[in-house]
Amino acid sequence: MVQNFLRRSETLLDQLEEAVKTQNASECFRLAHTLKGAARGIYALPFSMAALKLEMAGRGGNLSEAPSLMSSTRLVWKELVSWYRQGEGGATI
């Protein structure tokens, strides 16, 4: 289940990053909301909280802080992947 989440979230993160770059607030909201919920489903709470911040920015329509939030979200995601790989003996996603 976690491995599936990580694969899917990588694609969603790429799409979210594009939404942030193009300042598409509604798409930022939608994608961040999806990531937040999926992360909560596997108890990846730090990742869920990072996605929530992007969701809120998208909901408010103000993406001025979104590039910084996106960087933070990517960092938390990389930490999650690293943690998973350590637990799986270096498994790939």
PDB file of N, CA and C in Angstrom:
ATOM      1  N   MET A   1       0.818  -1.184   0.000  1.00  0.00           N
ATOM      2  CA  MET A   1       0.000   0.000   0.000  1.00  0.00           C
ATOM      3  C   MET A   1       0.871   1.260   0.000  1.00  0.00           C
ATOM      4  N   VAL A   2       1.893   1.283   0.828  1.00  0.00           N
ATOM      5  CA  VAL A   2       2.771   2.451   0.890  1.00  0.00           C
ATOM      6  C   VAL A   2       3.509   2.617  -0.431  1.00  0.00           C
ATOM      7  N   GLN A   3       3.974   1.525  -0.982  1.00  0.00           N
ATOM      8  CA  GLN A   3       4.699   1.600  -2.247  1.00  0.00           C
ATOM      9  C   GLN A   3       3.793   2.172  -3.347  1.00  0.00           C
ATOM     10  N   ASN A   4       2.558   1.759  -3.398  1.00  0.00           N
ATOM     11  CA  ASN A   4       1.607   2.289  -4.372  1.00  0.00           C
ATOM     12  C   ASN A   4       1.393   3.790  -4.147  1.00  0.00           C
ATOM     13  N   PHE A   5       1.247   4.181  -2.901  1.00  0.00           N
ATOM     14  CA  PHE A   5       1.087   5.592  -2.570  1.00  0.00           C
ATOM     15  C   PHE A   5       2.283   6.400  -3.067  1.00  0.00           C
ATOM     16  N   LEU A   6       3.483   5.913  -2.827  1.00  0.00           N
ATOM     17  CA  LEU A   6       4.675   6.648  -3.231  1.00  0.00           C
ATOM     18  C   LEU A   6       4.765   6.795  -4.742  1.00  0.00           C
ATOM     19  N   ARG A   7       4.433   5.744  -5.462  1.00  0.00           N
ATOM     20  CA  ARG A   7       4.440   5.834  -6.932  1.00  0.00           C
ATOM     21  C   ARG A   7       3.430   6.866  -7.428  1.00  0.00           C
ATOM     22  N   ARG A   8       2.240   6.779  -6.908  1.00  0.00           N
ATOM     23  CA  ARG A   8       1.175   7.693  -7.347  1.00  0.00           C
ATOM     24  C   ARG A   8       1.474   9.131  -6.936  1.00  0.00           C
ATOM     25  N   SER A   9       1.987   9.309  -5.741  1.00  0.00           N
ATOM     26  CA  SER A   9       2.225  10.670  -5.270  1.00  0.00           C
ATOM     27  C   SER A   9       3.356  11.350  -6.039  1.00  0.00           C
ATOM     28  N   GLU A  10       4.287  10.585  -6.559  1.00  0.00           N
ATOM     29  CA  GLU A  10       5.346  11.204  -7.356  1.00  0.00           C
ATOM     30  C   GLU A  10       4.752  11.881  -8.597  1.00  0.00           C
ATOM     31  N   THR A  11       3.818  11.208  -9.245  1.00  0.00           N
ATOM     32  CA  THR A  11       3.149  11.783 -10.415  1.00  0.00           C
ATOM     33  C   THR A  11       2.326  13.005 -10.019  1.00  0.00           C
ATOM     34  N   LEU A  12       1.602  12.887  -8.925  1.00  0.00           N
ATOM     35  CA  LEU A  12       0.793  14.006  -8.455  1.00  0.00           C
ATOM     36  C   LEU A  12       1.655  15.203  -8.066  1.00  0.00           C
ATOM     37  N   LEU A  13       2.811  14.936  -7.470  1.00  0.00           N
ATOM     38  CA  LEU A  13       3.724  16.023  -7.121  1.00  0.00           C
ATOM     39  C   LEU A  13       4.227  16.746  -8.363  1.00  0.00           C
ATOM     40  N   ASP A  14       4.535  16.004  -9.401  1.00  0.00           N
ATOM     41  CA  ASP A  14       4.963  16.626 -10.660  1.00  0.00           C
ATOM     42  C   ASP A  14       3.857  17.518 -11.219  1.00  0.00           C
ATOM     43  N   GLN A  15       2.628  17.030 -11.176  1.00  0.00           N
ATOM     44  CA  GLN A  15       1.493  17.819 -11.661  1.00  0.00           C
ATOM     45  C   GLN A  15       1.264  19.048 -10.784  1.00  0.00           C
ATOM     46  N   LEU A  16       1.427  18.878  -9.482  1.00  0.00           N
ATOM     47  CA  LEU A  16       1.275  19.990  -8.551  1.00  0.00           C
ATOM     48  C   LEU A  16       2.337  21.048  -8.795  1.00  0.00           C
ATOM     49  N   GLU A  17       3.541  20.612  -9.023  1.00  0.00           N
ATOM     50  CA  GLU A  17       4.616  21.560  -9.303  1.00  0.00           C
ATOM     51  C   GLU A  17       4.306  22.383 -10.560  1.00  0.00           C
ATOM     52  N   GLU A  18       3.749  21.739 -11.567  1.00  0.00           N
ATOM     53  CA  GLU A  18       3.359  22.446 -12.791  1.00  0.00           C
ATOM     54  C   GLU A  18       2.247  23.452 -12.499  1.00  0.00           C
ATOM     55  N   ALA A  19       1.284  23.068 -11.674  1.00  0.00           N
ATOM     56  CA  ALA A  19       0.204  23.982 -11.301  1.00  0.00           C
ATOM     57  C   ALA A  19       0.750  25.203 -10.564  1.00  0.00           C
ATOM     58  N   VAL A  20       1.738  24.987  -9.713  1.00  0.00           N
ATOM     59  CA  VAL A  20       2.356  26.094  -8.987  1.00  0.00           C
ATOM     60  C   VAL A  20       3.095  26.999  -9.976  1.00  0.00           C
ATOM     61  N   LYS A  21       3.862  26.406 -10.886  1.00  0.00           N
ATOM     62  CA  LYS A  21       4.614  27.198 -11.870  1.00  0.00           C
ATOM     63  C   LYS A  21       3.698  28.042 -12.740  1.00  0.00           C
ATOM     64  N   THR A  22       2.551  27.499 -13.108  1.00  0.00           N
ATOM     65  CA  THR A  22       1.625  28.221 -13.981  1.00  0.00           C
ATOM     66  C   THR A  22       0.613  29.058 -13.200  1.00  0.00           C
ATOM     67  N   GLN A  23       0.742  29.063 -11.869  1.00  0.00           N
ATOM     68  CA  GLN A  23      -0.137  29.826 -10.984  1.00  0.00           C
ATOM     69  C   GLN A  23      -1.609  29.430 -11.149  1.00  0.00           C
ATOM     70  N   ASN A  24      -1.839  28.130 -11.303  1.00  0.00           N
ATOM     71  CA  ASN A  24      -3.193  27.597 -11.442  1.00  0.00           C
ATOM     72  C   ASN A  24      -3.700  27.209 -10.053  1.00  0.00           C
ATOM     73  N   ALA A  25      -4.357  28.149  -9.405  1.00  0.00           N
ATOM     74  CA  ALA A  25      -4.776  27.950  -8.014  1.00  0.00           C
ATOM     75  C   ALA A  25      -5.769  26.809  -7.846  1.00  0.00           C
ATOM     76  N   SER A  26      -6.724  26.694  -8.751  1.00  0.00           N
ATOM     77  CA  SER A  26      -7.723  25.634  -8.585  1.00  0.00           C
ATOM     78  C   SER A  26      -7.093  24.251  -8.743  1.00  0.00           C
ATOM     79  N   GLU A  27      -6.155  24.108  -9.670  1.00  0.00           N
ATOM     80  CA  GLU A  27      -5.470  22.824  -9.841  1.00  0.00           C
ATOM     81  C   GLU A  27      -4.532  22.551  -8.664  1.00  0.00           C
ATOM     82  N   CYS A  28      -3.903  23.596  -8.170  1.00  0.00           N
ATOM     83  CA  CYS A  28      -3.053  23.456  -6.970  1.00  0.00           C
ATOM     84  C   CYS A  28      -3.901  22.952  -5.806  1.00  0.00           C
ATOM     85  N   PHE A  29      -5.048  23.546  -5.614  1.00  0.00           N
ATOM     86  CA  PHE A  29      -5.942  23.113  -4.548  1.00  0.00           C
ATOM     87  C   PHE A  29      -6.330  21.644  -4.715  1.00  0.00           C
ATOM     88  N   ARG A  30      -6.773  21.289  -5.920  1.00  0.00           N
ATOM     89  CA  ARG A  30      -7.255  19.922  -6.176  1.00  0.00           C
ATOM     90  C   ARG A  30      -6.162  18.884  -5.940  1.00  0.00           C
ATOM     91  N   LEU A  31      -4.988  19.120  -6.503  1.00  0.00           N
ATOM     92  CA  LEU A  31      -3.898  18.146  -6.384  1.00  0.00           C
ATOM     93  C   LEU A  31      -3.380  18.058  -4.949  1.00  0.00           C
ATOM     94  N   ALA A  32      -3.226  19.205  -4.297  1.00  0.00           N
ATOM     95  CA  ALA A  32      -2.747  19.192  -2.917  1.00  0.00           C
ATOM     96  C   ALA A  32      -3.762  18.506  -1.998  1.00  0.00           C
ATOM     97  N   HIS A  33      -5.044  18.733  -2.255  1.00  0.00           N
ATOM     98  CA  HIS A  33      -6.094  18.082  -1.469  1.00  0.00           C
ATOM     99  C   HIS A  33      -6.019  16.557  -1.633  1.00  0.00           C
ATOM    100  N   THR A  34      -5.807  16.112  -2.861  1.00  0.00           N
ATOM    101  CA  THR A  34      -5.680  14.677  -3.130  1.00  0.00           C
ATOM    102  C   THR A  34      -4.474  14.085  -2.408  1.00  0.00           C
ATOM    103  N   LEU A  35      -3.342  14.769  -2.502  1.00  0.00           N
ATOM    104  CA  LEU A  35      -2.132  14.292  -1.824  1.00  0.00           C
ATOM    105  C   LEU A  35      -2.308  14.268  -0.313  1.00  0.00           C
ATOM    106  N   LYS A  36      -2.927  15.306   0.224  1.00  0.00           N
ATOM    107  CA  LYS A  36      -3.152  15.376   1.669  1.00  0.00           C
ATOM    108  C   LYS A  36      -3.956  14.178   2.150  1.00  0.00           C
ATOM    109  N   GLY A  37      -5.048  13.892   1.471  1.00  0.00           N
ATOM    110  CA  GLY A  37      -5.898  12.773   1.869  1.00  0.00           C
ATOM    111  C   GLY A  37      -5.209  11.430   1.749  1.00  0.00           C
ATOM    112  N   ALA A  38      -4.488  11.249   0.653  1.00  0.00           N
ATOM    113  CA  ALA A  38      -3.773   9.988   0.458  1.00  0.00           C
ATOM    114  C   ALA A  38      -2.695   9.805   1.525  1.00  0.00           C
ATOM    115  N   ALA A  39      -2.010  10.879   1.861  1.00  0.00           N
ATOM    116  CA  ALA A  39      -0.959  10.800   2.889  1.00  0.00           C
ATOM    117  C   ALA A  39      -1.563  10.464   4.251  1.00  0.00           C
ATOM    118  N   ARG A  40      -2.693  11.036   4.558  1.00  0.00           N
ATOM    119  CA  ARG A  40      -3.371  10.713   5.821  1.00  0.00           C
ATOM    120  C   ARG A  40      -3.772   9.245   5.857  1.00  0.00           C
ATOM    121  N   GLY A  41      -4.119   8.712   4.696  1.00  0.00           N
ATOM    122  CA  GLY A  41      -4.530   7.315   4.605  1.00  0.00           C
ATOM    123  C   GLY A  41      -3.439   6.334   4.994  1.00  0.00           C
ATOM    124  N   ILE A  42      -2.181   6.734   4.859  1.00  0.00           N
ATOM    125  CA  ILE A  42      -1.074   5.860   5.273  1.00  0.00           C
ATOM    126  C   ILE A  42      -0.346   6.427   6.499  1.00  0.00           C
ATOM    127  N   TYR A  43      -0.952   7.411   7.129  1.00  0.00           N
ATOM    128  CA  TYR A  43      -0.409   8.036   8.339  1.00  0.00           C
ATOM    129  C   TYR A  43       0.922   8.744   8.099  1.00  0.00           C
ATOM    130  N   ALA A  44       1.106   9.302   6.908  1.00  0.00           N
ATOM    131  CA  ALA A  44       2.290  10.101   6.589  1.00  0.00           C
ATOM    132  C   ALA A  44       1.952  11.553   6.934  1.00  0.00           C
ATOM    133  N   LEU A  45       1.858  11.827   8.220  1.00  0.00           N
ATOM    134  CA  LEU A  45       1.329  13.109   8.674  1.00  0.00           C
ATOM    135  C   LEU A  45       2.191  14.312   8.304  1.00  0.00           C
ATOM    136  N   PRO A  46       3.525  14.249   8.374  1.00  0.00           N
ATOM    137  CA  PRO A  46       4.297  15.416   7.937  1.00  0.00           C
ATOM    138  C   PRO A  46       4.050  15.765   6.461  1.00  0.00           C
ATOM    139  N   PHE A  47       3.933  14.745   5.615  1.00  0.00           N
ATOM    140  CA  PHE A  47       3.653  14.983   4.205  1.00  0.00           C
ATOM    141  C   PHE A  47       2.244  15.538   4.032  1.00  0.00           C
ATOM    142  N   SER A  48       1.320  15.017   4.790  1.00  0.00           N
ATOM    143  CA  SER A  48      -0.052  15.504   4.740  1.00  0.00           C
ATOM    144  C   SER A  48      -0.121  16.981   5.134  1.00  0.00           C
ATOM    145  N   MET A  49       0.609  17.362   6.156  1.00  0.00           N
ATOM    146  CA  MET A  49       0.607  18.757   6.604  1.00  0.00           C
ATOM    147  C   MET A  49       1.245  19.675   5.563  1.00  0.00           C
ATOM    148  N   ALA A  50       2.289  19.202   4.906  1.00  0.00           N
ATOM    149  CA  ALA A  50       2.922  20.003   3.851  1.00  0.00           C
ATOM    150  C   ALA A  50       1.935  20.212   2.694  1.00  0.00           C
ATOM    151  N   ALA A  51       1.226  19.160   2.325  1.00  0.00           N
ATOM    152  CA  ALA A  51       0.231  19.265   1.254  1.00  0.00           C
ATOM    153  C   ALA A  51      -0.924  20.178   1.666  1.00  0.00           C
ATOM    154  N   LEU A  52      -1.287  20.147   2.936  1.00  0.00           N
ATOM    155  CA  LEU A  52      -2.360  21.010   3.433  1.00  0.00           C
ATOM    156  C   LEU A  52      -2.017  22.479   3.215  1.00  0.00           C
ATOM    157  N   LYS A  53      -0.781  22.847   3.440  1.00  0.00           N
ATOM    158  CA  LYS A  53      -0.374  24.248   3.247  1.00  0.00           C
ATOM    159  C   LYS A  53      -0.550  24.671   1.793  1.00  0.00           C
ATOM    160  N   LEU A  54      -0.203  23.784   0.874  1.00  0.00           N
ATOM    161  CA  LEU A  54      -0.420  24.089  -0.546  1.00  0.00           C
ATOM    162  C   LEU A  54      -1.909  24.105  -0.886  1.00  0.00           C
ATOM    163  N   GLU A  55      -2.658  23.214  -0.272  1.00  0.00           N
ATOM    164  CA  GLU A  55      -4.103  23.196  -0.479  1.00  0.00           C
ATOM    165  C   GLU A  55      -4.714  24.529  -0.055  1.00  0.00           C
ATOM    166  N   MET A  56      -4.312  25.023   1.082  1.00  0.00           N
ATOM    167  CA  MET A  56      -4.845  26.287   1.592  1.00  0.00           C
ATOM    168  C   MET A  56      -4.475  27.453   0.669  1.00  0.00           C
ATOM    169  N   ALA A  57      -3.249  27.437   0.158  1.00  0.00           N
ATOM    170  CA  ALA A  57      -2.838  28.490  -0.773  1.00  0.00           C
ATOM    171  C   ALA A  57      -3.706  28.443  -2.025  1.00  0.00           C
ATOM    172  N   GLY A  58      -3.926  27.253  -2.536  1.00  0.00           N
ATOM    173  CA  GLY A  58      -4.769  27.115  -3.717  1.00  0.00           C
ATOM    174  C   GLY A  58      -6.203  27.519  -3.455  1.00  0.00           C
ATOM    175  N   ARG A  59      -6.714  27.150  -2.307  1.00  0.00           N
ATOM    176  CA  ARG A  59      -8.094  27.495  -1.945  1.00  0.00           C
ATOM    177  C   ARG A  59      -8.260  29.004  -1.870  1.00  0.00           C
ATOM    178  N   GLY A  60      -7.250  29.666  -1.319  1.00  0.00           N
ATOM    179  CA  GLY A  60      -7.316  31.119  -1.184  1.00  0.00           C
ATOM    180  C   GLY A  60      -7.026  31.863  -2.477  1.00  0.00           C
ATOM    181  N   GLY A  61      -6.494  31.154  -3.469  1.00  0.00           N
ATOM    182  CA  GLY A  61      -6.203  31.786  -4.744  1.00  0.00           C
ATOM    183  C   GLY A  61      -4.939  32.618  -4.761  1.00  0.00           C
ATOM    184  N   ASN A  62      -4.178  32.580  -3.670  1.00  0.00           N
ATOM    185  CA  ASN A  62      -2.939  33.344  -3.597  1.00  0.00           C
ATOM    186  C   ASN A  62      -1.766  32.375  -3.571  1.00  0.00           C
ATOM    187  N   LEU A  63      -1.086  32.240  -4.686  1.00  0.00           N
ATOM    188  CA  LEU A  63       0.025  31.293  -4.789  1.00  0.00           C
ATOM    189  C   LEU A  63       1.396  31.962  -4.653  1.00  0.00           C
ATOM    190  N   SER A  64       1.437  33.143  -4.034  1.00  0.00           N
ATOM    191  CA  SER A  64       2.717  33.837  -3.896  1.00  0.00           C
ATOM    192  C   SER A  64       3.725  33.034  -3.064  1.00  0.00           C
ATOM    193  N   GLU A  65       3.249  32.298  -2.087  1.00  0.00           N
ATOM    194  CA  GLU A  65       4.124  31.481  -1.244  1.00  0.00           C
ATOM    195  C   GLU A  65       4.245  30.044  -1.747  1.00  0.00           C
ATOM    196  N   ALA A  66       3.500  29.710  -2.791  1.00  0.00           N
ATOM    197  CA  ALA A  66       3.438  28.330  -3.268  1.00  0.00           C
ATOM    198  C   ALA A  66       4.787  27.757  -3.717  1.00  0.00           C
ATOM    199  N   PRO A  67       5.649  28.523  -4.397  1.00  0.00           N
ATOM    200  CA  PRO A  67       6.949  27.927  -4.769  1.00  0.00           C
ATOM    201  C   PRO A  67       7.755  27.469  -3.556  1.00  0.00           C
ATOM    202  N   SER A  68       7.753  28.259  -2.509  1.00  0.00           N
ATOM    203  CA  SER A  68       8.451  27.872  -1.282  1.00  0.00           C
ATOM    204  C   SER A  68       7.777  26.674  -0.620  1.00  0.00           C
ATOM    205  N   LEU A  69       6.461  26.674  -0.591  1.00  0.00           N
ATOM    206  CA  LEU A  69       5.716  25.551  -0.023  1.00  0.00           C
ATOM    207  C   LEU A  69       5.946  24.281  -0.832  1.00  0.00           C
ATOM    208  N   MET A  70       6.052  24.433  -2.150  1.00  0.00           N
ATOM    209  CA  MET A  70       6.301  23.275  -3.018  1.00  0.00           C
ATOM    210  C   MET A  70       7.669  22.679  -2.710  1.00  0.00           C
ATOM    211  N   SER A  71       8.664  23.528  -2.515  1.00  0.00           N
ATOM    212  CA  SER A  71      10.003  23.036  -2.165  1.00  0.00           C
ATOM    213  C   SER A  71       9.979  22.272  -0.851  1.00  0.00           C
ATOM    214  N   SER A  72       9.263  22.802   0.119  1.00  0.00           N
ATOM    215  CA  SER A  72       9.146  22.130   1.421  1.00  0.00           C
ATOM    216  C   SER A  72       8.428  20.796   1.288  1.00  0.00           C
ATOM    217  N   THR A  73       7.391  20.765   0.477  1.00  0.00           N
ATOM    218  CA  THR A  73       6.629  19.537   0.271  1.00  0.00           C
ATOM    219  C   THR A  73       7.496  18.477  -0.401  1.00  0.00           C
ATOM    220  N   ARG A  74       8.263  18.876  -1.395  1.00  0.00           N
ATOM    221  CA  ARG A  74       9.183  17.939  -2.063  1.00  0.00           C
ATOM    222  C   ARG A  74      10.196  17.375  -1.071  1.00  0.00           C
ATOM    223  N   LEU A  75      10.716  18.223  -0.207  1.00  0.00           N
ATOM    224  CA  LEU A  75      11.693  17.778   0.786  1.00  0.00           C
ATOM    225  C   LEU A  75      11.080  16.748   1.730  1.00  0.00           C
ATOM    226  N   VAL A  76       9.887  17.007   2.203  1.00  0.00           N
ATOM    227  CA  VAL A  76       9.214  16.066   3.098  1.00  0.00           C
ATOM    228  C   VAL A  76       8.943  14.754   2.366  1.00  0.00           C
ATOM    229  N   TRP A  77       8.555  14.840   1.087  1.00  0.00           N
ATOM    230  CA  TRP A  77       8.308  13.632   0.306  1.00  0.00           C
ATOM    231  C   TRP A  77       9.586  12.817   0.153  1.00  0.00           C
ATOM    232  N   LYS A  78      10.711  13.483  -0.129  1.00  0.00           N
ATOM    233  CA  LYS A  78      11.989  12.776  -0.263  1.00  0.00           C
ATOM    234  C   LYS A  78      12.376  12.092   1.045  1.00  0.00           C
ATOM    235  N   GLU A  79      12.106  12.743   2.157  1.00  0.00           N
ATOM    236  CA  GLU A  79      12.380  12.128   3.462  1.00  0.00           C
ATOM    237  C   GLU A  79      11.503  10.893   3.667  1.00  0.00           C
ATOM    238  N   LEU A  80      10.259  10.969   3.254  1.00  0.00           N
ATOM    239  CA  LEU A  80       9.346   9.830   3.357  1.00  0.00           C
ATOM    240  C   LEU A  80       9.839   8.665   2.512  1.00  0.00           C
ATOM    241  N   VAL A  81      10.258   8.938   1.291  1.00  0.00           N
ATOM    242  CA  VAL A  81      10.783   7.897   0.405  1.00  0.00           C
ATOM    243  C   VAL A  81      12.033   7.277   1.017  1.00  0.00           C
ATOM    244  N   SER A  82      12.917   8.105   1.541  1.00  0.00           N
ATOM    245  CA  SER A  82      14.149   7.605   2.161  1.00  0.00           C
ATOM    246  C   SER A  82      13.827   6.703   3.351  1.00  0.00           C
ATOM    247  N   TRP A  83      12.896   7.140   4.173  1.00  0.00           N
ATOM    248  CA  TRP A  83      12.487   6.335   5.339  1.00  0.00           C
ATOM    249  C   TRP A  83      11.931   4.991   4.883  1.00  0.00           C
ATOM    250  N   TYR A  84      11.094   5.022   3.849  1.00  0.00           N
ATOM    251  CA  TYR A  84      10.499   3.770   3.353  1.00  0.00           C
ATOM    252  C   TYR A  84      11.580   2.842   2.825  1.00  0.00           C
ATOM    253  N   ARG A  85      12.488   3.367   2.044  1.00  0.00           N
ATOM    254  CA  ARG A  85      13.557   2.534   1.463  1.00  0.00           C
ATOM    255  C   ARG A  85      14.432   1.917   2.555  1.00  0.00           C
ATOM    256  N   GLN A  86      14.705   2.659   3.604  1.00  0.00           N
ATOM    257  CA  GLN A  86      15.498   2.112   4.698  1.00  0.00           C
ATOM    258  C   GLN A  86      14.784   0.944   5.347  1.00  0.00           C
ATOM    259  N   GLY A  87      13.491   1.076   5.520  1.00  0.00           N
ATOM    260  CA  GLY A  87      12.696   0.022   6.145  1.00  0.00           C
ATOM    261  C   GLY A  87      12.530  -1.192   5.259  1.00  0.00           C
ATOM    262  N   GLU A  88      12.637  -1.001   3.960  1.00  0.00           N
ATOM    263  CA  GLU A  88      12.471  -2.095   3.009  1.00  0.00           C
ATOM    264  C   GLU A  88      13.803  -2.636   2.500  1.00  0.00           C
ATOM    265  N   GLY A  89      14.866  -2.253   3.152  1.00  0.00           N
ATOM    266  CA  GLY A  89      16.188  -2.730   2.737  1.00  0.00           C
ATOM    267  C   GLY A  89      16.646  -2.170   1.405  1.00  0.00           C
ATOM    268  N   GLY A  90      16.272  -0.909   1.116  1.00  0.00           N
ATOM    269  CA  GLY A  90      16.714  -0.260  -0.103  1.00  0.00           C
ATOM    270  C   GLY A  90      15.818  -0.495  -1.304  1.00  0.00           C
ATOM    271  N   ALA A  91      14.571  -0.876  -1.075  1.00  0.00           N
ATOM    272  CA  ALA A  91      13.641  -1.156  -2.178  1.00  0.00           C
ATOM    273  C   ALA A  91      13.438   0.089  -3.033  1.00  0.00           C
ATOM    274  N   THR A  92      13.202  -0.123  -4.293  1.00  0.00           N
ATOM    275  CA  THR A  92      12.884   0.984  -5.187  1.00  0.00           C
ATOM    276  C   THR A  92      11.381   1.137  -5.282  1.00  0.00           C
ATOM    277  N   ILE A  93      10.981   2.283  -5.706  1.00  0.00           N
ATOM    278  CA  ILE A  93       9.549   2.578  -5.816  1.00  0.00           C
ATOM    279  C   ILE A  93       9.049   2.126  -7.166  1.00  0.00           C
TER     280      ILE A  93
END
